[in-house]
């Protein structure tokens, strides 16, 4: 009987085989928001571009090839359509004579 107890103890001390944990699937990356919904109101549509109104109240100009127009080109288009007003340049004050 002593031999059986010794065998049981040695069997209990053997480390159990570890199972590999299943790999977690990576979550899909979130895309950056452009501020324009799919059903955004189209302000004007031409052959060259589409002007959309964003949720922030500003305008977005998208070319026919679905790339966004930025900077000076966007300002020129919006000014030509009359959607924005030209920024007024500040007049420099003449230095006061002491």
Protein backbone atom coordinates (compact mmCIF):
# COMPACT_ATOMS: atom_id res chain seq x y z
CA UNK A 1 0.00 0.00 0.00
CA UNK A 2 2.82 2.32 0.73
CA UNK A 3 4.00 1.81 -2.86
CA UNK A 4 0.58 2.80 -4.24
CA UNK A 5 0.54 5.99 -2.15
CA UNK A 6 4.02 6.88 -3.36
CA UNK A 7 2.98 6.35 -6.99
CA UNK A 8 -0.08 8.57 -6.52
CA UNK A 9 2.04 11.34 -5.01
CA UNK A 10 4.49 11.27 -7.91
CA UNK A 11 1.63 11.33 -10.39
CA UNK A 12 0.10 14.33 -8.65
CA UNK A 13 3.36 16.26 -8.76
CA UNK A 14 3.69 16.01 -12.53
CA UNK A 15 2.90 19.36 -14.12
CA UNK A 16 -0.17 19.37 -16.30
CA UNK A 17 0.33 20.16 -19.97
CA UNK A 18 -0.53 23.78 -20.58
CA UNK A 19 -3.01 24.50 -23.31
CA UNK A 20 -2.20 27.35 -25.64
CA UNK A 21 -4.54 30.24 -25.12
CA UNK A 22 -6.55 31.13 -28.22
CA UNK A 23 -5.28 34.26 -29.93
CA UNK A 24 -7.62 37.21 -29.72
CA UNK A 25 -8.59 38.78 -33.02
CA UNK A 26 -7.56 42.38 -33.42
CA UNK A 27 -10.44 44.83 -33.50
CA UNK A 28 -10.83 46.75 -36.76
CA UNK A 29 -9.29 50.21 -36.69
CA UNK A 30 -11.71 53.09 -36.49
CA UNK A 31 -11.53 55.57 -39.35
CA UNK A 32 -11.07 59.23 -38.61
CA UNK A 33 -14.26 61.19 -38.88
CA UNK A 34 -14.47 63.69 -41.71
CA UNK A 35 -17.42 65.51 -40.17
CA UNK A 36 -19.64 64.63 -43.12
CA UNK A 37 -22.45 62.10 -42.94
CA UNK A 38 -23.44 59.95 -45.87
CA UNK A 39 -26.71 61.85 -46.08
CA UNK A 40 -25.13 65.31 -45.68
CA UNK A 41 -26.95 68.04 -47.53
CA UNK A 42 -25.34 68.79 -50.87
CA UNK A 43 -25.15 72.55 -51.31
CA UNK A 44 -24.01 72.52 -54.93
CA UNK A 45 -22.96 69.83 -57.37
CA UNK A 46 -20.98 70.50 -60.55
CA UNK A 47 -18.99 68.35 -62.98
CA UNK A 48 -15.75 69.23 -61.20
CA UNK A 49 -16.68 69.17 -57.50
CA UNK A 50 -19.41 68.78 -54.86
CA UNK A 51 -19.90 71.25 -52.00
CA UNK A 52 -21.25 69.67 -48.80
CA UNK A 53 -22.34 71.21 -45.51
CA UNK A 54 -20.63 69.59 -42.53
CA UNK A 55 -22.19 68.99 -39.13
CA UNK A 56 -20.04 71.80 -37.72
CA UNK A 57 -21.69 74.26 -40.12
CA UNK A 58 -18.62 74.66 -42.30
CA UNK A 59 -18.37 73.62 -45.93
CA UNK A 60 -16.44 70.75 -47.45
CA UNK A 61 -15.45 70.67 -51.11
CA UNK A 62 -14.87 67.29 -52.70
CA UNK A 63 -13.50 66.72 -56.20
CA UNK A 64 -15.13 64.40 -58.69
CA UNK A 65 -12.49 61.73 -57.86
CA UNK A 66 -13.65 61.85 -54.18
CA UNK A 67 -10.60 63.65 -52.79
CA UNK A 68 -11.08 66.66 -50.53
CA UNK A 69 -10.06 70.12 -51.69
CA UNK A 70 -8.04 72.04 -49.10
CA UNK A 71 -6.56 75.45 -48.50
CA UNK A 72 -6.46 78.25 -51.05
CA UNK A 73 -8.27 76.25 -53.73
CA UNK A 74 -11.19 75.57 -51.38
CA UNK A 75 -11.43 79.24 -50.40
CA UNK A 76 -11.49 80.31 -54.06
CA UNK A 77 -14.31 77.87 -54.86
CA UNK A 78 -16.42 78.93 -51.87
CA UNK A 79 -15.88 82.63 -52.62
CA UNK A 80 -16.88 82.10 -56.26
CA UNK A 81 -20.09 80.36 -55.17
CA UNK A 82 -20.87 83.12 -52.67
CA UNK A 83 -20.99 80.79 -49.68
CA UNK A 84 -18.38 82.65 -47.65
CA UNK A 85 -17.30 86.26 -47.49
CA UNK A 86 -13.76 87.42 -48.16
CA UNK A 87 -11.92 88.07 -44.90
CA UNK A 88 -11.40 91.76 -44.27
CA UNK A 89 -7.77 92.72 -43.90
CA UNK A 90 -6.98 94.69 -40.79
CA UNK A 91 -5.72 98.17 -41.43
CA UNK A 92 -2.45 98.92 -39.74
CA UNK A 93 -2.74 101.89 -37.47
CA UNK A 94 -0.23 104.64 -38.03
CA UNK A 95 2.09 105.07 -35.08
CA UNK A 96 1.11 108.04 -32.96
CA UNK A 97 3.57 110.93 -32.83
CA UNK A 98 4.72 111.77 -29.35
